[in-house]
Amino acid sequence: MTGESTFTFGPMICPAMRAKMGDRWYYVATMTFAEIARCVQPVDAIHEKKELKTWIQRELRPERTDEIASYICTQKQRFFNALVLGIYDGEPQWQSVGIEETVKIQGKGLDDRQANAFGIVELSGEESIFAIDGQHRVEGIRRAVQNDNSIREEEQVVIFVAHIKTEEGRKRTRRLFSTLNTYARPTTDRERVAISEDDGFAAATRLLIEQYKGLDLHFAPLLPTSNIPSTQQVCITTAVGLYQMSKLLVATDIRKNKRKYEVGPTPKPIVEQIYQASASYWDALKLSIPAIRKVCLSEPSKKLASKYRHPKGGHLLFRQAGMSAFARATRTLMDRGLSAKKAVARLSKVPLELDNSLWREVLWRPENNTMLHKYVRLAHNIFLSQIGEQSDPKTYPVSQQYQTITGREYRPNPTVR
């Protein structure tokens, strides 16, 4: 047939377990990195290219492949979850290795499922193997093997699923791909803060919580998001809020490589720089913002934050949208040459109470006592404008945006410049 694949990789045997879910048999096996690089084809190399493109919607992103290859080559404690591999133009040949005569559990024999679950998967080498889930990992492994011959024999767990080239087979494979991508869940910011050893911003956030006075888990709890419920009476921010702000506050060279340090592993000196940038910001807040200083130095049992964050509004910096706008404005001034201390001192002169008319319908809706989160960019530029600085970028139309959103004329306050 025109367009048929002529790719072969030779006979291959993989140690495996066989299992069944629903009406689908599958094989949990291991392959070496070298075998994956040699045998798993890019989707574009398989003959029914257009059909496969309808199953696999994700376009390969070179930067993601580079990240994975770098991770493999630099992280000694590397680990991936299983790749799901489709077998096309063939079907794995299963040979069970009966173990019922050699394995006894507490003197009892194994049942049929247990005794015959272990064996080998044999491939002829004529099959086409493609990644249903894990395309970027496959390409990252391929790139890493090319760069570092010493990792060729490292092993990766794979799950083989046979694809039958019929209309029903196509439906089953499409459904599998859809299921994997529908129910797969990316790591949340909360989880990254709690457990990631590679994300430098997460590591620096944990250092803040562990070491910085006034930012322990009482004052920066590990809530699901960065938003702070109005009923929270103790905290200033959240752990996720600290994590997100750490990405804003770092120096330009780290911000430009943010994705690199999110993926990691991040060198300790970079983690320390991220930590110091955040610590300097909070030092500046405590110096220039009395409310922050008082709560940071208080005992959690005093519930002092309730004085500054309550259902009727309160202090702008005790709400995440307000803190985010303020931090962004601080970063803009630092990019223009100011220290964190001087930037925060200047911005602290802007009205910081949510019930101030400046913030009505920008950050606060007094009619129903609701925080607004979608206008953080406008709030960021209002802070700059109020102290006589140009917007960021300098073409951002502060007055026009303010009037459009609030219905009121914007008036800069010359007394705080």
Protein backbone atom coordinates (compact mmCIF):
# COMPACT_ATOMS: atom_id res chain seq x y z
CA MET A 1 0.00 0.00 0.00
CA THR A 2 1.27 3.48 -0.82
CA GLY A 3 2.53 5.22 2.29
CA GLU A 4 3.03 2.04 4.34
CA SER A 5 5.74 2.33 6.97
CA THR A 6 8.89 0.34 6.28
CA PHE A 7 10.35 1.10 9.71
CA THR A 8 11.45 -1.98 11.68
CA PHE A 9 13.38 -2.27 14.92
CA GLY A 10 14.04 -6.01 15.18
CA PRO A 11 12.65 -8.56 17.64
CA MET A 12 12.34 -7.33 21.21
CA ILE A 13 11.37 -8.99 24.49
CA CYS A 14 10.19 -6.95 27.48
CA PRO A 15 9.53 -8.23 31.02
CA ALA A 16 5.94 -7.39 31.84
CA MET A 17 2.72 -7.93 33.75
CA ARG A 18 -0.60 -8.46 32.01
CA ALA A 19 -3.78 -6.89 33.39
CA LYS A 20 -7.33 -6.12 32.35
CA MET A 21 -9.57 -3.12 32.90
CA GLY A 22 -13.03 -3.03 31.37
CA ASP A 23 -12.76 -4.95 28.11
CA ARG A 24 -9.14 -3.99 27.48
CA TRP A 25 -6.06 -6.12 28.07
CA TYR A 26 -2.87 -4.15 28.56
CA TYR A 27 0.75 -4.92 29.43
CA VAL A 28 2.84 -3.07 32.02
CA ALA A 29 6.42 -3.54 30.87
CA THR A 30 9.84 -1.93 31.01
CA MET A 31 11.96 -0.67 28.15
CA THR A 32 15.44 0.80 28.24
CA PHE A 33 15.95 4.39 27.13
CA ALA A 34 17.82 3.04 24.10
CA GLU A 35 14.88 0.80 23.15
CA ILE A 36 12.44 3.70 23.48
CA ALA A 37 14.66 5.93 21.34
CA ARG A 38 14.98 3.18 18.72
CA CYS A 39 11.49 1.71 18.66
CA VAL A 40 8.93 4.40 19.49
CA GLN A 41 8.23 6.41 16.39
CA PRO A 42 7.19 10.03 16.12
CA VAL A 43 3.53 10.25 15.16
CA ASP A 44 4.46 11.84 11.84
CA ALA A 45 6.47 8.73 10.89
CA ILE A 46 3.49 6.38 11.07
CA HIS A 47 1.68 5.75 7.81
CA GLU A 48 -1.85 6.84 8.80
CA LYS A 49 -0.50 10.22 9.77
CA LYS A 50 -3.72 12.19 9.28
CA GLU A 51 -5.74 9.70 11.25
CA LEU A 52 -3.30 9.72 14.15
CA LYS A 53 -3.29 13.49 14.16
CA THR A 54 -7.02 13.35 14.91
CA TRP A 55 -6.29 11.21 17.97
CA ILE A 56 -3.28 13.06 19.27
CA GLN A 57 -4.11 16.75 19.38
CA ARG A 58 -1.04 17.97 21.21
CA GLU A 59 1.60 19.45 18.96
CA LEU A 60 5.13 18.64 20.05
CA ARG A 61 6.75 21.71 21.56
CA PRO A 62 10.54 21.77 21.07
CA GLU A 63 11.08 23.75 24.27
CA ARG A 64 9.26 21.07 26.28
CA THR A 65 11.39 18.36 24.67
CA ASP A 66 14.53 20.32 25.55
CA GLU A 67 13.36 20.70 29.15
CA ILE A 68 12.83 16.95 29.53
CA ALA A 69 16.16 16.09 27.92
CA SER A 70 17.92 18.53 30.24
CA TYR A 71 16.09 17.06 33.23
CA ILE A 72 17.22 13.53 32.32
CA CYS A 73 20.83 14.59 31.86
CA THR A 74 21.11 16.78 34.99
CA GLN A 75 18.81 15.32 37.65
CA LYS A 76 20.35 12.24 39.27
CA GLN A 77 17.08 11.43 41.04
CA ARG A 78 15.11 11.46 37.78
CA PHE A 79 11.84 9.61 37.47
CA PHE A 80 8.88 9.54 35.06
CA ASN A 81 5.48 7.99 35.34
CA ALA A 82 4.55 5.35 32.77
CA LEU A 83 4.38 6.00 29.04
CA VAL A 84 1.26 4.68 27.32
CA LEU A 85 2.32 3.18 23.99
CA GLY A 86 0.03 2.10 21.19
CA ILE A 87 0.99 -0.95 19.14
CA TYR A 88 0.03 -0.44 15.52
CA ASP A 89 0.16 -3.00 12.71
CA GLY A 90 0.63 -5.83 15.15
CA GLU A 91 -0.24 -7.18 18.54
CA PRO A 92 2.07 -8.00 21.46
CA GLN A 93 2.62 -11.74 21.91
CA TRP A 94 2.18 -12.66 25.55
CA GLN A 95 3.94 -15.54 27.26
CA SER A 96 3.10 -16.00 30.92
CA VAL A 97 5.68 -17.32 33.32
CA GLY A 98 3.80 -19.52 35.77
CA ILE A 99 4.98 -18.96 39.31
CA GLU A 100 2.36 -20.91 41.26
CA GLU A 101 4.82 -23.71 42.04
CA THR A 102 7.58 -21.45 43.31
CA VAL A 103 5.71 -18.77 45.25
CA LYS A 104 3.70 -19.43 48.39
CA ILE A 105 2.06 -16.65 50.42
CA GLN A 106 1.56 -17.66 54.05
CA GLY A 107 1.49 -21.28 52.93
CA LYS A 108 -1.28 -20.66 50.41
CA GLY A 109 -1.07 -21.03 46.66
CA LEU A 110 -1.80 -18.31 44.13
CA ASP A 111 -5.04 -18.03 42.22
CA ASP A 112 -5.08 -18.15 38.42
CA ARG A 113 -4.86 -14.37 37.96
CA GLN A 114 -1.94 -14.01 40.34
CA ALA A 115 -0.07 -17.00 38.96
CA ASN A 116 -0.34 -15.92 35.31
CA ALA A 117 0.02 -12.15 35.59
CA PHE A 118 3.79 -12.21 35.09
CA GLY A 119 5.61 -12.93 31.87
CA ILE A 120 7.15 -11.40 28.80
CA VAL A 121 5.83 -9.35 25.88
CA GLU A 122 7.38 -10.32 22.58
CA LEU A 123 7.42 -7.93 19.62
CA SER A 124 8.52 -9.01 16.16
CA GLY A 125 9.96 -5.61 15.22
CA GLU A 126 7.50 -5.14 12.37
CA GLU A 127 5.02 -3.26 14.54
CA SER A 128 4.66 0.51 14.73
CA ILE A 129 4.82 1.88 18.27
CA PHE A 130 3.64 5.38 19.06
CA ALA A 131 3.00 7.33 22.28
CA ILE A 132 -0.67 7.74 23.15
CA ASP A 133 0.39 9.53 26.34
CA GLY A 134 3.95 10.79 26.79
CA GLN A 135 5.01 12.16 23.39
CA HIS A 136 7.23 14.85 24.92
CA ARG A 137 8.84 12.37 27.30
CA VAL A 138 9.63 10.02 24.39
CA GLU A 139 11.24 12.83 22.40
CA GLY A 140 13.10 14.04 25.50
CA ILE A 141 14.45 10.52 26.09
CA ARG A 142 15.48 10.30 22.42
CA ARG A 143 17.33 13.61 22.67
CA ALA A 144 18.98 12.67 25.97
CA VAL A 145 20.24 9.32 24.60
CA GLN A 146 21.80 11.16 21.67
CA ASN A 147 23.58 13.51 24.09
CA ASP A 148 24.62 11.03 26.76
CA ASN A 149 25.45 7.44 25.85
CA SER A 150 25.74 6.42 29.53
CA ILE A 151 21.97 6.49 30.10
CA ARG A 152 21.06 4.05 27.33
CA GLU A 153 20.36 1.15 29.70
CA GLU A 154 18.20 3.07 32.15
CA GLU A 155 14.68 1.67 32.32
CA GLN A 156 11.28 3.27 31.88
CA VAL A 157 7.88 1.78 32.70
CA VAL A 158 5.61 1.57 29.66
CA ILE A 159 2.03 0.40 29.19
CA PHE A 160 1.43 -1.35 25.87
CA VAL A 161 -2.05 -1.11 24.39
CA ALA A 162 -2.82 -2.85 21.11
CA HIS A 163 -4.49 -0.87 18.36
CA ILE A 164 -6.62 -2.72 15.81
CA LYS A 165 -6.81 -1.10 12.39
CA THR A 166 -10.61 -1.16 12.05
CA GLU A 167 -13.18 1.55 12.61
CA GLU A 168 -13.99 0.07 16.02
CA GLY A 169 -10.27 -0.10 16.79
CA ARG A 170 -9.88 3.56 15.87
CA LYS A 171 -12.76 4.48 18.17
CA ARG A 172 -11.20 2.54 21.03
CA THR A 173 -7.83 4.28 20.59
CA ARG A 174 -9.43 7.72 20.31
CA ARG A 175 -11.44 7.01 23.46
CA LEU A 176 -8.29 5.93 25.30
CA PHE A 177 -6.43 9.07 24.31
CA SER A 178 -9.41 11.20 25.34
CA THR A 179 -9.69 9.41 28.69
CA LEU A 180 -6.01 9.84 29.49
CA ASN A 181 -6.12 13.55 28.75
CA THR A 182 -9.50 14.19 30.36
CA TYR A 183 -8.62 12.63 33.69
CA ALA A 184 -4.94 13.51 33.84
CA ARG A 185 -4.43 16.40 36.29
CA PRO A 186 -1.44 18.73 36.23
CA THR A 187 0.34 19.47 39.48
CA THR A 188 -1.24 22.42 41.28
CA ASP A 189 0.72 25.35 42.68
CA ARG A 190 -0.22 24.16 46.16
CA GLU A 191 1.28 20.73 45.49
CA ARG A 192 4.41 22.25 43.97
CA VAL A 193 4.96 24.40 47.06
CA ALA A 194 4.45 21.39 49.30
CA ILE A 195 6.56 18.77 47.54
CA SER A 196 8.62 19.98 44.56
CA GLU A 197 12.38 19.70 45.02
CA ASP A 198 13.13 20.84 41.48
CA ASP A 199 10.99 23.99 41.18
CA GLY A 200 13.25 26.73 42.52
CA PHE A 201 10.34 29.06 43.27
CA ALA A 202 8.61 26.36 45.32
CA ALA A 203 11.83 25.63 47.22
CA ALA A 204 12.35 29.34 47.95
CA THR A 205 8.74 29.63 49.12
CA ARG A 206 9.26 26.81 51.60
CA LEU A 207 12.36 28.62 52.89
CA LEU A 208 10.27 31.75 53.45
CA ILE A 209 7.67 29.78 55.37
CA GLU A 210 10.33 28.01 57.44
CA GLN A 211 12.69 30.91 58.09
CA TYR A 212 11.07 34.31 57.62
CA LYS A 213 9.47 35.91 60.70
CA GLY A 214 5.77 36.46 60.08
CA LEU A 215 5.40 34.14 57.07
CA ASP A 216 5.05 30.76 58.72
CA LEU A 217 2.03 28.58 58.02
CA HIS A 218 -0.10 30.62 60.40
CA PHE A 219 0.47 33.76 58.36
CA ALA A 220 0.84 32.07 54.96
CA PRO A 221 -1.26 28.86 55.12
CA LEU A 222 -1.19 26.19 52.43
CA LEU A 223 -4.66 26.93 51.04
CA PRO A 224 -5.76 25.55 47.64
CA THR A 225 -5.26 28.88 45.80
CA SER A 226 -3.69 32.28 46.33
CA ASN A 227 -7.03 33.83 47.28
CA ILE A 228 -7.66 34.52 50.96
CA PRO A 229 -11.14 33.92 52.35
CA SER A 230 -12.47 36.98 54.17
CA THR A 231 -13.08 34.72 57.18
CA GLN A 232 -9.35 34.09 57.60
CA GLN A 233 -8.42 36.06 60.71
CA VAL A 234 -4.71 35.26 61.05
CA CYS A 235 -2.95 35.09 57.68
CA ILE A 236 -1.44 37.92 55.66
CA THR A 237 -1.21 35.93 52.42
CA THR A 238 -1.12 32.25 51.41
CA ALA A 239 1.71 29.89 50.53
CA VAL A 240 0.49 29.85 46.92
CA GLY A 241 0.42 33.66 46.96
CA LEU A 242 4.04 33.71 48.12
CA TYR A 243 4.95 31.24 45.38
CA GLN A 244 3.30 33.31 42.66
CA MET A 245 4.83 36.57 43.92
CA SER A 246 8.29 35.00 44.07
CA LYS A 247 8.17 34.78 40.28
CA LEU A 248 7.40 38.51 40.04
CA LEU A 249 10.02 39.74 42.47
CA VAL A 250 13.18 38.05 41.16
CA ALA A 251 15.78 39.77 39.04
CA THR A 252 15.33 40.04 35.28
CA ASP A 253 17.78 37.27 34.37
CA ILE A 254 15.87 34.75 36.50
CA ARG A 255 12.50 35.93 35.19
CA LYS A 256 13.70 35.43 31.63
CA ASN A 257 14.54 31.81 32.49
CA LYS A 258 11.50 31.26 34.72
CA ARG A 259 10.37 28.10 33.00
CA LYS A 260 13.84 26.58 33.36
CA TYR A 261 13.76 27.10 37.12
CA GLU A 262 10.17 25.88 37.42
CA VAL A 263 11.13 22.58 35.78
CA GLY A 264 14.47 22.36 37.54
CA PRO A 265 16.53 21.07 39.04
CA THR A 266 17.33 24.58 40.24
CA PRO A 267 20.85 25.20 41.61
CA LYS A 268 20.97 26.21 45.28
CA PRO A 269 22.47 29.65 44.52
CA ILE A 270 19.45 30.44 42.32
CA VAL A 271 17.04 29.25 45.03
CA GLU A 272 18.87 31.54 47.44
CA GLN A 273 18.53 34.48 45.03
CA ILE A 274 14.79 33.84 44.70
CA TYR A 275 14.47 33.65 48.48
CA GLN A 276 16.45 36.86 49.03
CA ALA A 277 14.36 38.77 46.49
CA SER A 278 11.17 37.83 48.33
CA ALA A 279 12.70 38.43 51.76
CA SER A 280 13.87 41.91 50.68
CA TYR A 281 10.36 42.72 49.51
CA TRP A 282 8.83 41.65 52.83
CA ASP A 283 11.53 43.57 54.73
CA ALA A 284 10.50 46.65 52.76
CA LEU A 285 6.80 46.04 53.42
CA LYS A 286 7.39 45.74 57.17
CA LEU A 287 9.43 48.96 57.11
CA SER A 288 6.91 51.10 55.21
CA ILE A 289 3.50 49.47 55.85
CA PRO A 290 2.56 49.57 59.56
CA ALA A 291 -0.27 47.04 59.13
CA ILE A 292 2.07 44.42 57.64
CA ARG A 293 4.67 45.07 60.33
CA LYS A 294 2.16 44.72 63.16
CA VAL A 295 0.69 41.44 61.90
CA CYS A 296 4.07 39.89 61.04
CA LEU A 297 5.30 40.61 64.57
CA SER A 298 2.10 39.52 66.32
CA GLU A 299 1.16 36.21 67.87
CA PRO A 300 -1.21 34.15 65.70
CA SER A 301 -3.61 33.87 68.61
CA LYS A 302 -4.20 37.63 68.47
CA LYS A 303 -5.88 37.23 65.05
CA LEU A 304 -4.69 40.72 64.22
CA ALA A 305 -5.22 40.27 60.48
CA SER A 306 -8.98 40.42 61.07
CA LYS A 307 -8.52 44.13 61.78
CA TYR A 308 -7.21 44.64 58.25
CA ARG A 309 -9.24 42.07 56.30
CA HIS A 310 -12.94 41.82 56.98
CA PRO A 311 -16.21 41.53 55.04
CA LYS A 312 -16.43 45.30 54.65
CA GLY A 313 -13.04 45.54 52.93
CA GLY A 314 -10.02 46.61 54.91
CA HIS A 315 -6.40 46.96 53.83
CA LEU A 316 -5.61 46.37 50.17
CA LEU A 317 -2.44 44.36 50.89
CA PHE A 318 -4.36 41.78 52.91
CA ARG A 319 -6.14 40.66 49.75
CA GLN A 320 -4.26 38.75 47.06
CA ALA A 321 -5.42 40.90 44.13
CA GLY A 322 -4.22 44.02 45.93
CA MET A 323 -0.93 42.43 46.97
CA SER A 324 -0.33 41.20 43.41
CA ALA A 325 -0.89 44.68 41.94
CA PHE A 326 1.40 46.24 44.55
CA ALA A 327 4.13 43.64 43.98
CA ARG A 328 3.94 44.15 40.22
CA ALA A 329 4.31 47.89 40.65
CA THR A 330 7.27 47.30 42.99
CA ARG A 331 8.93 45.09 40.38
CA THR A 332 8.40 47.74 37.70
CA LEU A 333 10.12 50.38 39.84
CA MET A 334 12.95 47.99 40.63
CA ASP A 335 13.40 47.38 36.91
CA ARG A 336 13.76 51.17 36.62
CA GLY A 337 16.62 51.20 39.12
CA LEU A 338 15.04 51.51 42.56
CA SER A 339 15.74 49.16 45.45
CA ALA A 340 12.85 47.20 46.91
CA LYS A 341 13.04 49.43 49.99
CA LYS A 342 12.71 52.66 48.00
CA ALA A 343 10.07 51.27 45.62
CA VAL A 344 7.81 50.11 48.45
CA ALA A 345 8.33 53.38 50.34
CA ARG A 346 7.09 55.36 47.35
CA LEU A 347 4.12 53.09 46.65
CA SER A 348 3.10 53.08 50.32
CA LYS A 349 1.99 56.72 49.90
CA VAL A 350 -0.89 55.62 47.63
CA PRO A 351 -4.22 55.08 49.46
CA LEU A 352 -4.28 51.45 50.60
CA GLU A 353 -7.79 51.13 52.02
CA LEU A 354 -10.19 49.24 49.78
CA ASP A 355 -13.03 51.63 50.56
CA ASN A 356 -11.07 54.53 49.06
CA SER A 357 -12.88 55.77 45.94
CA LEU A 358 -9.69 55.17 43.91
CA TRP A 359 -10.22 51.40 44.09
CA ARG A 360 -13.99 51.26 43.67
CA GLU A 361 -14.84 48.88 40.76
CA VAL A 362 -11.11 48.28 40.24
CA LEU A 363 -10.34 46.07 43.23
CA TRP A 364 -13.45 46.48 45.38
CA ARG A 365 -17.20 46.52 44.78
CA PRO A 366 -18.80 48.05 47.91
CA GLU A 367 -22.39 47.29 46.90
CA ASN A 368 -21.87 43.61 47.71
CA ASN A 369 -18.50 43.80 49.49
CA THR A 370 -16.70 41.80 46.78
CA MET A 371 -13.06 41.73 45.73
CA LEU A 372 -12.41 42.10 41.99
CA HIS A 373 -9.52 40.08 40.55
CA LYS A 374 -9.73 40.74 36.82
CA TYR A 375 -8.37 44.30 36.90
CA VAL A 376 -5.02 43.66 38.58
CA ARG A 377 -3.20 45.08 35.56
CA LEU A 378 -5.12 48.34 35.85
CA ALA A 379 -4.48 48.46 39.60
CA HIS A 380 -0.76 47.88 38.97
CA ASN A 381 -0.65 50.87 36.63
CA ILE A 382 -2.77 53.04 38.93
CA PHE A 383 -0.09 52.57 41.61
CA LEU A 384 2.55 53.79 39.16
CA SER A 385 0.46 56.70 37.92
CA GLN A 386 -0.38 57.85 41.45
CA ILE A 387 3.31 58.39 42.22
CA GLY A 388 4.01 60.14 38.93
CA GLU A 389 5.54 57.19 37.10
CA GLN A 390 4.70 56.17 33.57
CA SER A 391 2.61 53.07 33.05
CA ASP A 392 4.11 49.67 32.35
CA PRO A 393 4.32 49.39 29.41
CA LYS A 394 4.54 53.13 28.91
CA THR A 395 1.75 53.01 26.33
CA TYR A 396 -0.85 51.54 28.75
CA PRO A 397 -3.83 53.98 28.74
CA VAL A 398 -4.51 54.24 32.49
CA SER A 399 -7.06 57.07 32.33
CA GLN A 400 -8.97 55.51 29.45
CA GLN A 401 -9.08 52.05 31.04
CA TYR A 402 -10.13 53.51 34.39
CA GLN A 403 -13.04 55.42 32.86
CA THR A 404 -14.12 52.43 30.77
CA ILE A 405 -14.15 50.09 33.76
CA THR A 406 -15.44 52.38 36.52
CA GLY A 407 -17.44 54.97 34.56
CA ARG A 408 -15.55 57.72 36.39
CA GLU A 409 -12.83 60.15 35.41
CA TYR A 410 -9.36 59.17 36.58
CA ARG A 411 -7.51 61.76 38.62
CA PRO A 412 -3.86 61.23 39.58
CA ASN A 413 -3.00 62.46 43.08
CA PRO A 414 -0.06 64.87 42.91
CA THR A 415 0.33 64.94 46.69
CA VAL A 416 1.89 61.46 46.89
CA ARG A 417 4.55 61.89 44.24
